[in-house]
Amino acid sequence: MFKRVEKLKKEHAVIIDALSQAKSIGVTTEKGRLLLLEAKKTLLEHLKNEDTYLYPVLNKASQSDDNLKTLISEDVSEIGAVADMAIKFFDKCENNQTDAQYVEDFKELFKSLLYRIHNEEETIYAEYDKIIS
């Protein structure tokens, strides 16, 4: 595993840790809300790092690899769905709009991020490692 992937995986761990702590404390508490906002900040930095360092390499390699092109296309579609969910949730969080749906929205986002991160680490990062090795 290369340093870039190690760094991205560490960012994943920080995001999941903040979300897990917020879940344990309570996402409707002030401390929970602050942890969620920390997770949002880390998530945005993480996505920027992927867009800057990971995806250009993958996109270039996918020009001559149809399987990789399909994988990236599916990945981008998945990112879009999770990003939309995250934007809506974090907007509520920032504006302290903890309505009846807020906790359920958090649970759905957390579940989706866990799945997304696992999938990304098992497939996308593995492809990246193969390309740069």
N, C-alpha and C. Protein backbone atom coordinates (compact mmCIF):
# COMPACT_ATOMS: atom_id res chain seq x y z
N MET A 1 0.85 -1.18 0.00
CA MET A 1 0.00 0.00 0.00
C MET A 1 0.89 1.24 0.00
N PHE A 2 0.51 2.20 -0.79
CA PHE A 2 1.32 3.39 -0.94
C PHE A 2 0.87 4.48 0.03
N LYS A 3 1.76 5.43 0.26
CA LYS A 3 1.51 6.49 1.25
C LYS A 3 0.20 7.24 1.00
N ARG A 4 -0.11 7.49 -0.26
CA ARG A 4 -1.33 8.23 -0.59
C ARG A 4 -2.55 7.46 -0.10
N VAL A 5 -2.59 6.16 -0.37
CA VAL A 5 -3.72 5.33 0.06
C VAL A 5 -3.75 5.23 1.59
N GLU A 6 -2.60 5.11 2.20
CA GLU A 6 -2.55 5.07 3.67
C GLU A 6 -3.16 6.35 4.25
N LYS A 7 -2.82 7.49 3.67
CA LYS A 7 -3.35 8.77 4.15
C LYS A 7 -4.87 8.83 3.97
N LEU A 8 -5.35 8.38 2.82
CA LEU A 8 -6.79 8.38 2.57
C LEU A 8 -7.52 7.45 3.54
N LYS A 9 -6.93 6.32 3.83
CA LYS A 9 -7.54 5.39 4.79
C LYS A 9 -7.55 5.98 6.20
N LYS A 10 -6.51 6.71 6.55
CA LYS A 10 -6.48 7.38 7.86
C LYS A 10 -7.59 8.44 7.94
N GLU A 11 -7.81 9.14 6.84
CA GLU A 11 -8.90 10.11 6.81
C GLU A 11 -10.24 9.41 7.00
N HIS A 12 -10.40 8.26 6.36
CA HIS A 12 -11.63 7.47 6.57
C HIS A 12 -11.81 7.15 8.05
N ALA A 13 -10.74 6.72 8.68
CA ALA A 13 -10.81 6.35 10.10
C ALA A 13 -11.22 7.54 10.97
N VAL A 14 -10.69 8.71 10.65
CA VAL A 14 -11.03 9.92 11.42
C VAL A 14 -12.51 10.26 11.24
N ILE A 15 -13.00 10.14 10.03
CA ILE A 15 -14.41 10.42 9.74
C ILE A 15 -15.30 9.45 10.51
N ILE A 16 -15.01 8.18 10.41
CA ILE A 16 -15.82 7.16 11.09
C ILE A 16 -15.75 7.31 12.60
N ASP A 17 -14.58 7.64 13.11
CA ASP A 17 -14.43 7.84 14.55
C ASP A 17 -15.30 9.00 15.03
N ALA A 18 -15.27 10.11 14.32
CA ALA A 18 -16.08 11.28 14.71
C ALA A 18 -17.57 10.94 14.65
N LEU A 19 -17.98 10.25 13.61
CA LEU A 19 -19.39 9.86 13.49
C LEU A 19 -19.79 8.87 14.59
N SER A 20 -18.90 7.93 14.88
CA SER A 20 -19.19 6.95 15.94
C SER A 20 -19.31 7.63 17.30
N GLN A 21 -18.41 8.57 17.57
CA GLN A 21 -18.48 9.29 18.83
C GLN A 21 -19.77 10.10 18.92
N ALA A 22 -20.14 10.75 17.83
CA ALA A 22 -21.38 11.54 17.81
C ALA A 22 -22.58 10.63 18.06
N LYS A 23 -22.56 9.46 17.46
CA LYS A 23 -23.64 8.50 17.65
C LYS A 23 -23.73 8.08 19.11
N SER A 24 -22.58 7.81 19.74
CA SER A 24 -22.55 7.38 21.15
C SER A 24 -23.02 8.49 22.08
N ILE A 25 -22.59 9.71 21.82
CA ILE A 25 -22.93 10.84 22.67
C ILE A 25 -24.37 11.28 22.44
N GLY A 26 -24.78 11.18 21.19
CA GLY A 26 -26.10 11.63 20.79
C GLY A 26 -25.97 12.73 19.76
N VAL A 27 -26.49 12.50 18.58
CA VAL A 27 -26.31 13.47 17.49
C VAL A 27 -27.12 14.74 17.69
N THR A 28 -28.04 14.72 18.65
CA THR A 28 -28.82 15.93 18.91
C THR A 28 -28.23 16.78 20.03
N THR A 29 -27.15 16.29 20.66
CA THR A 29 -26.49 17.08 21.71
C THR A 29 -25.52 18.07 21.07
N GLU A 30 -25.13 19.08 21.80
CA GLU A 30 -24.19 20.06 21.26
C GLU A 30 -22.83 19.42 20.96
N LYS A 31 -22.36 18.56 21.86
CA LYS A 31 -21.08 17.89 21.62
C LYS A 31 -21.18 16.97 20.40
N GLY A 32 -22.30 16.29 20.27
CA GLY A 32 -22.51 15.43 19.11
C GLY A 32 -22.53 16.24 17.83
N ARG A 33 -23.19 17.39 17.86
CA ARG A 33 -23.25 18.27 16.70
C ARG A 33 -21.86 18.76 16.31
N LEU A 34 -21.04 19.10 17.30
CA LEU A 34 -19.68 19.55 17.01
C LEU A 34 -18.85 18.43 16.38
N LEU A 35 -19.04 17.22 16.85
CA LEU A 35 -18.34 16.07 16.26
C LEU A 35 -18.80 15.85 14.82
N LEU A 36 -20.08 16.03 14.58
CA LEU A 36 -20.59 15.89 13.22
C LEU A 36 -20.00 16.94 12.29
N LEU A 37 -19.87 18.16 12.78
CA LEU A 37 -19.28 19.21 11.97
C LEU A 37 -17.80 18.96 11.72
N GLU A 38 -17.13 18.36 12.69
CA GLU A 38 -15.73 17.95 12.50
C GLU A 38 -15.65 16.88 11.42
N ALA A 39 -16.58 15.93 11.46
CA ALA A 39 -16.62 14.87 10.44
C ALA A 39 -16.85 15.47 9.06
N LYS A 40 -17.74 16.44 8.98
CA LYS A 40 -18.02 17.10 7.70
C LYS A 40 -16.76 17.75 7.15
N LYS A 41 -16.05 18.47 8.00
CA LYS A 41 -14.82 19.15 7.57
C LYS A 41 -13.80 18.13 7.04
N THR A 42 -13.62 17.05 7.76
CA THR A 42 -12.67 16.02 7.35
C THR A 42 -13.13 15.35 6.06
N LEU A 43 -14.43 15.11 5.94
CA LEU A 43 -14.97 14.49 4.74
C LEU A 43 -14.73 15.38 3.52
N LEU A 44 -14.94 16.67 3.65
CA LEU A 44 -14.71 17.58 2.53
C LEU A 44 -13.23 17.62 2.13
N GLU A 45 -12.34 17.63 3.12
CA GLU A 45 -10.90 17.59 2.83
C GLU A 45 -10.54 16.28 2.14
N HIS A 46 -11.14 15.19 2.61
CA HIS A 46 -10.87 13.88 2.05
C HIS A 46 -11.30 13.82 0.58
N LEU A 47 -12.49 14.31 0.29
CA LEU A 47 -12.99 14.30 -1.09
C LEU A 47 -12.10 15.15 -2.00
N LYS A 48 -11.63 16.27 -1.47
CA LYS A 48 -10.71 17.12 -2.24
C LYS A 48 -9.41 16.36 -2.54
N ASN A 49 -8.89 15.65 -1.54
CA ASN A 49 -7.66 14.87 -1.75
C ASN A 49 -7.86 13.78 -2.80
N GLU A 50 -9.01 13.11 -2.74
CA GLU A 50 -9.28 12.08 -3.74
C GLU A 50 -9.38 12.70 -5.14
N ASP A 51 -10.07 13.83 -5.25
CA ASP A 51 -10.22 14.48 -6.54
C ASP A 51 -8.89 14.98 -7.10
N THR A 52 -7.99 15.36 -6.19
CA THR A 52 -6.70 15.90 -6.61
C THR A 52 -5.69 14.80 -6.95
N TYR A 53 -5.64 13.76 -6.15
CA TYR A 53 -4.55 12.78 -6.28
C TYR A 53 -4.98 11.41 -6.80
N LEU A 54 -6.15 10.95 -6.43
CA LEU A 54 -6.56 9.59 -6.76
C LEU A 54 -7.23 9.50 -8.13
N TYR A 55 -8.28 10.27 -8.31
CA TYR A 55 -9.10 10.12 -9.51
C TYR A 55 -8.40 10.52 -10.81
N PRO A 56 -7.52 11.50 -10.83
CA PRO A 56 -6.81 11.75 -12.10
C PRO A 56 -6.01 10.53 -12.57
N VAL A 57 -5.37 9.84 -11.65
CA VAL A 57 -4.60 8.63 -12.00
C VAL A 57 -5.54 7.54 -12.51
N LEU A 58 -6.65 7.34 -11.79
CA LEU A 58 -7.62 6.31 -12.19
C LEU A 58 -8.26 6.64 -13.54
N ASN A 59 -8.63 7.89 -13.73
CA ASN A 59 -9.27 8.29 -14.99
C ASN A 59 -8.33 8.10 -16.17
N LYS A 60 -7.07 8.45 -15.99
CA LYS A 60 -6.11 8.27 -17.08
C LYS A 60 -5.96 6.79 -17.42
N ALA A 61 -5.84 5.95 -16.40
CA ALA A 61 -5.69 4.51 -16.63
C ALA A 61 -6.96 3.91 -17.24
N SER A 62 -8.10 4.46 -16.91
CA SER A 62 -9.36 3.90 -17.41
C SER A 62 -9.56 4.13 -18.91
N GLN A 63 -8.78 5.04 -19.49
CA GLN A 63 -8.89 5.29 -20.92
C GLN A 63 -8.50 4.07 -21.75
N SER A 64 -7.69 3.20 -21.17
CA SER A 64 -7.29 1.98 -21.88
C SER A 64 -7.74 0.71 -21.17
N ASP A 65 -8.69 0.84 -20.23
CA ASP A 65 -9.17 -0.31 -19.46
C ASP A 65 -10.68 -0.15 -19.23
N ASP A 66 -11.46 -0.88 -20.02
CA ASP A 66 -12.92 -0.75 -19.94
C ASP A 66 -13.47 -1.20 -18.59
N ASN A 67 -12.87 -2.22 -18.00
CA ASN A 67 -13.35 -2.67 -16.68
C ASN A 67 -13.14 -1.58 -15.63
N LEU A 68 -12.00 -0.94 -15.68
CA LEU A 68 -11.73 0.15 -14.74
C LEU A 68 -12.66 1.33 -15.02
N LYS A 69 -12.91 1.60 -16.29
CA LYS A 69 -13.82 2.69 -16.65
C LYS A 69 -15.22 2.43 -16.06
N THR A 70 -15.69 1.19 -16.15
CA THR A 70 -17.00 0.83 -15.57
C THR A 70 -16.98 0.97 -14.06
N LEU A 71 -15.92 0.50 -13.44
CA LEU A 71 -15.79 0.59 -11.98
C LEU A 71 -15.82 2.05 -11.52
N ILE A 72 -15.10 2.90 -12.19
CA ILE A 72 -15.06 4.32 -11.83
C ILE A 72 -16.41 4.97 -12.06
N SER A 73 -17.07 4.63 -13.14
CA SER A 73 -18.38 5.19 -13.43
C SER A 73 -19.38 4.83 -12.33
N GLU A 74 -19.37 3.57 -11.91
CA GLU A 74 -20.25 3.13 -10.82
C GLU A 74 -19.89 3.82 -9.52
N ASP A 75 -18.60 3.97 -9.29
CA ASP A 75 -18.12 4.63 -8.08
C ASP A 75 -18.56 6.09 -8.02
N VAL A 76 -18.43 6.79 -9.12
CA VAL A 76 -18.82 8.19 -9.18
C VAL A 76 -20.32 8.34 -8.93
N SER A 77 -21.09 7.43 -9.49
CA SER A 77 -22.54 7.46 -9.28
C SER A 77 -22.87 7.26 -7.80
N GLU A 78 -22.18 6.32 -7.17
CA GLU A 78 -22.37 6.04 -5.74
C GLU A 78 -21.96 7.25 -4.90
N ILE A 79 -20.85 7.87 -5.26
CA ILE A 79 -20.39 9.06 -4.54
C ILE A 79 -21.46 10.15 -4.60
N GLY A 80 -22.04 10.33 -5.78
CA GLY A 80 -23.06 11.36 -5.95
C GLY A 80 -24.25 11.16 -5.02
N ALA A 81 -24.71 9.93 -4.91
CA ALA A 81 -25.86 9.64 -4.05
C ALA A 81 -25.53 9.90 -2.59
N VAL A 82 -24.36 9.44 -2.16
CA VAL A 82 -23.96 9.65 -0.76
C VAL A 82 -23.69 11.13 -0.49
N ALA A 83 -23.10 11.81 -1.45
CA ALA A 83 -22.83 13.24 -1.28
C ALA A 83 -24.12 14.04 -1.13
N ASP A 84 -25.12 13.72 -1.93
CA ASP A 84 -26.41 14.42 -1.81
C ASP A 84 -27.00 14.22 -0.41
N MET A 85 -26.95 12.98 0.06
CA MET A 85 -27.45 12.66 1.39
C MET A 85 -26.68 13.44 2.46
N ALA A 86 -25.35 13.47 2.31
CA ALA A 86 -24.49 14.15 3.28
C ALA A 86 -24.75 15.66 3.30
N ILE A 87 -24.88 16.25 2.13
CA ILE A 87 -25.13 17.69 2.05
C ILE A 87 -26.41 18.06 2.79
N LYS A 88 -27.47 17.30 2.53
CA LYS A 88 -28.76 17.58 3.19
C LYS A 88 -28.65 17.42 4.71
N PHE A 89 -27.98 16.35 5.13
CA PHE A 89 -27.86 16.12 6.56
C PHE A 89 -27.01 17.20 7.22
N PHE A 90 -25.84 17.50 6.65
CA PHE A 90 -24.95 18.46 7.29
C PHE A 90 -25.52 19.89 7.24
N ASP A 91 -26.35 20.19 6.26
CA ASP A 91 -27.05 21.48 6.26
C ASP A 91 -27.97 21.58 7.48
N LYS A 92 -28.70 20.51 7.74
CA LYS A 92 -29.56 20.48 8.93
C LYS A 92 -28.71 20.63 10.19
N CYS A 93 -27.60 19.92 10.22
CA CYS A 93 -26.71 19.95 11.39
C CYS A 93 -26.17 21.35 11.64
N GLU A 94 -25.68 21.99 10.58
CA GLU A 94 -25.11 23.34 10.72
C GLU A 94 -26.15 24.34 11.19
N ASN A 95 -27.38 24.16 10.75
CA ASN A 95 -28.45 25.08 11.10
C ASN A 95 -29.21 24.65 12.35
N ASN A 96 -28.69 23.59 12.99
CA ASN A 96 -29.28 23.09 14.24
C ASN A 96 -30.77 22.75 14.06
N GLN A 97 -31.09 22.15 12.92
CA GLN A 97 -32.46 21.76 12.61
C GLN A 97 -32.66 20.28 12.92
N THR A 98 -32.76 19.98 14.19
CA THR A 98 -32.88 18.59 14.62
C THR A 98 -34.36 18.20 14.71
N ASP A 99 -34.99 18.09 13.54
CA ASP A 99 -36.39 17.69 13.49
C ASP A 99 -36.51 16.18 13.74
N ALA A 100 -37.72 15.68 13.64
CA ALA A 100 -37.98 14.27 13.93
C ALA A 100 -37.21 13.33 13.01
N GLN A 101 -36.91 13.77 11.82
CA GLN A 101 -36.22 12.92 10.85
C GLN A 101 -34.69 12.95 11.01
N TYR A 102 -34.18 13.87 11.78
CA TYR A 102 -32.74 14.11 11.89
C TYR A 102 -31.95 12.86 12.31
N VAL A 103 -32.39 12.18 13.36
CA VAL A 103 -31.67 11.00 13.84
C VAL A 103 -31.72 9.89 12.80
N GLU A 104 -32.86 9.73 12.15
CA GLU A 104 -32.98 8.70 11.11
C GLU A 104 -32.09 9.04 9.91
N ASP A 105 -32.02 10.32 9.57
CA ASP A 105 -31.14 10.75 8.48
C ASP A 105 -29.68 10.45 8.82
N PHE A 106 -29.31 10.69 10.07
CA PHE A 106 -27.94 10.38 10.50
C PHE A 106 -27.66 8.88 10.35
N LYS A 107 -28.57 8.06 10.83
CA LYS A 107 -28.37 6.60 10.75
C LYS A 107 -28.19 6.15 9.31
N GLU A 108 -29.00 6.69 8.41
CA GLU A 108 -28.90 6.32 7.00
C GLU A 108 -27.58 6.81 6.39
N LEU A 109 -27.18 8.03 6.73
CA LEU A 109 -25.91 8.56 6.24
C LEU A 109 -24.74 7.74 6.76
N PHE A 110 -24.76 7.44 8.04
CA PHE A 110 -23.67 6.67 8.65
C PHE A 110 -23.55 5.30 7.99
N LYS A 111 -24.67 4.63 7.81
CA LYS A 111 -24.67 3.32 7.16
C LYS A 111 -24.14 3.43 5.74
N SER A 112 -24.57 4.44 5.01
CA SER A 112 -24.12 4.63 3.63
C SER A 112 -22.63 4.94 3.56
N LEU A 113 -22.14 5.76 4.48
CA LEU A 113 -20.71 6.08 4.50
C LEU A 113 -19.87 4.86 4.85
N LEU A 114 -20.33 4.05 5.80
CA LEU A 114 -19.59 2.83 6.14
C LEU A 114 -19.48 1.91 4.93
N TYR A 115 -20.58 1.73 4.24
CA TYR A 115 -20.58 0.89 3.04
C TYR A 115 -19.66 1.48 1.97
N ARG A 116 -19.81 2.77 1.76
CA ARG A 116 -19.03 3.47 0.73
C ARG A 116 -17.53 3.36 1.01
N ILE A 117 -17.15 3.60 2.25
CA ILE A 117 -15.74 3.54 2.62
C ILE A 117 -15.19 2.13 2.45
N HIS A 118 -15.93 1.15 2.89
CA HIS A 118 -15.48 -0.25 2.74
C HIS A 118 -15.29 -0.57 1.26
N ASN A 119 -16.27 -0.23 0.46
CA ASN A 119 -16.20 -0.51 -0.97
C ASN A 119 -15.02 0.21 -1.62
N GLU A 120 -14.85 1.46 -1.27
CA GLU A 120 -13.76 2.26 -1.84
C GLU A 120 -12.39 1.66 -1.48
N GLU A 121 -12.22 1.29 -0.23
CA GLU A 121 -10.94 0.74 0.19
C GLU A 121 -10.66 -0.61 -0.45
N GLU A 122 -11.70 -1.41 -0.67
CA GLU A 122 -11.51 -2.74 -1.24
C GLU A 122 -11.33 -2.72 -2.76
N THR A 123 -11.93 -1.76 -3.43
CA THR A 123 -11.88 -1.78 -4.89
C THR A 123 -11.08 -0.61 -5.47
N ILE A 124 -11.51 0.60 -5.20
CA ILE A 124 -10.89 1.77 -5.83
C ILE A 124 -9.44 1.93 -5.39
N TYR A 125 -9.19 1.83 -4.11
CA TYR A 125 -7.82 2.00 -3.63
C TYR A 125 -6.93 0.86 -4.11
N ALA A 126 -7.48 -0.33 -4.20
CA ALA A 126 -6.71 -1.47 -4.71
C ALA A 126 -6.32 -1.25 -6.17
N GLU A 127 -7.24 -0.71 -6.95
CA GLU A 127 -6.93 -0.40 -8.36
C GLU A 127 -5.86 0.68 -8.45
N TYR A 128 -5.98 1.68 -7.62
CA TYR A 128 -4.98 2.75 -7.60
C TYR A 128 -3.60 2.18 -7.29
N ASP A 129 -3.53 1.32 -6.28
CA ASP A 129 -2.25 0.70 -5.91
C ASP A 129 -1.67 -0.09 -7.06
N LYS A 130 -2.50 -0.82 -7.79
CA LYS A 130 -2.02 -1.59 -8.93
C LYS A 130 -1.45 -0.68 -10.02
N ILE A 131 -2.13 0.42 -10.25
CA ILE A 131 -1.71 1.32 -11.32
C ILE A 131 -0.36 1.97 -11.00
N ILE A 132 -0.17 2.39 -9.78
CA ILE A 132 1.07 3.13 -9.48
C ILE A 132 2.22 2.23 -9.06
N SER A 133 1.97 0.94 -8.95
CA SER A 133 3.08 0.04 -8.55
C SER A 133 3.92 -0.37 -9.74
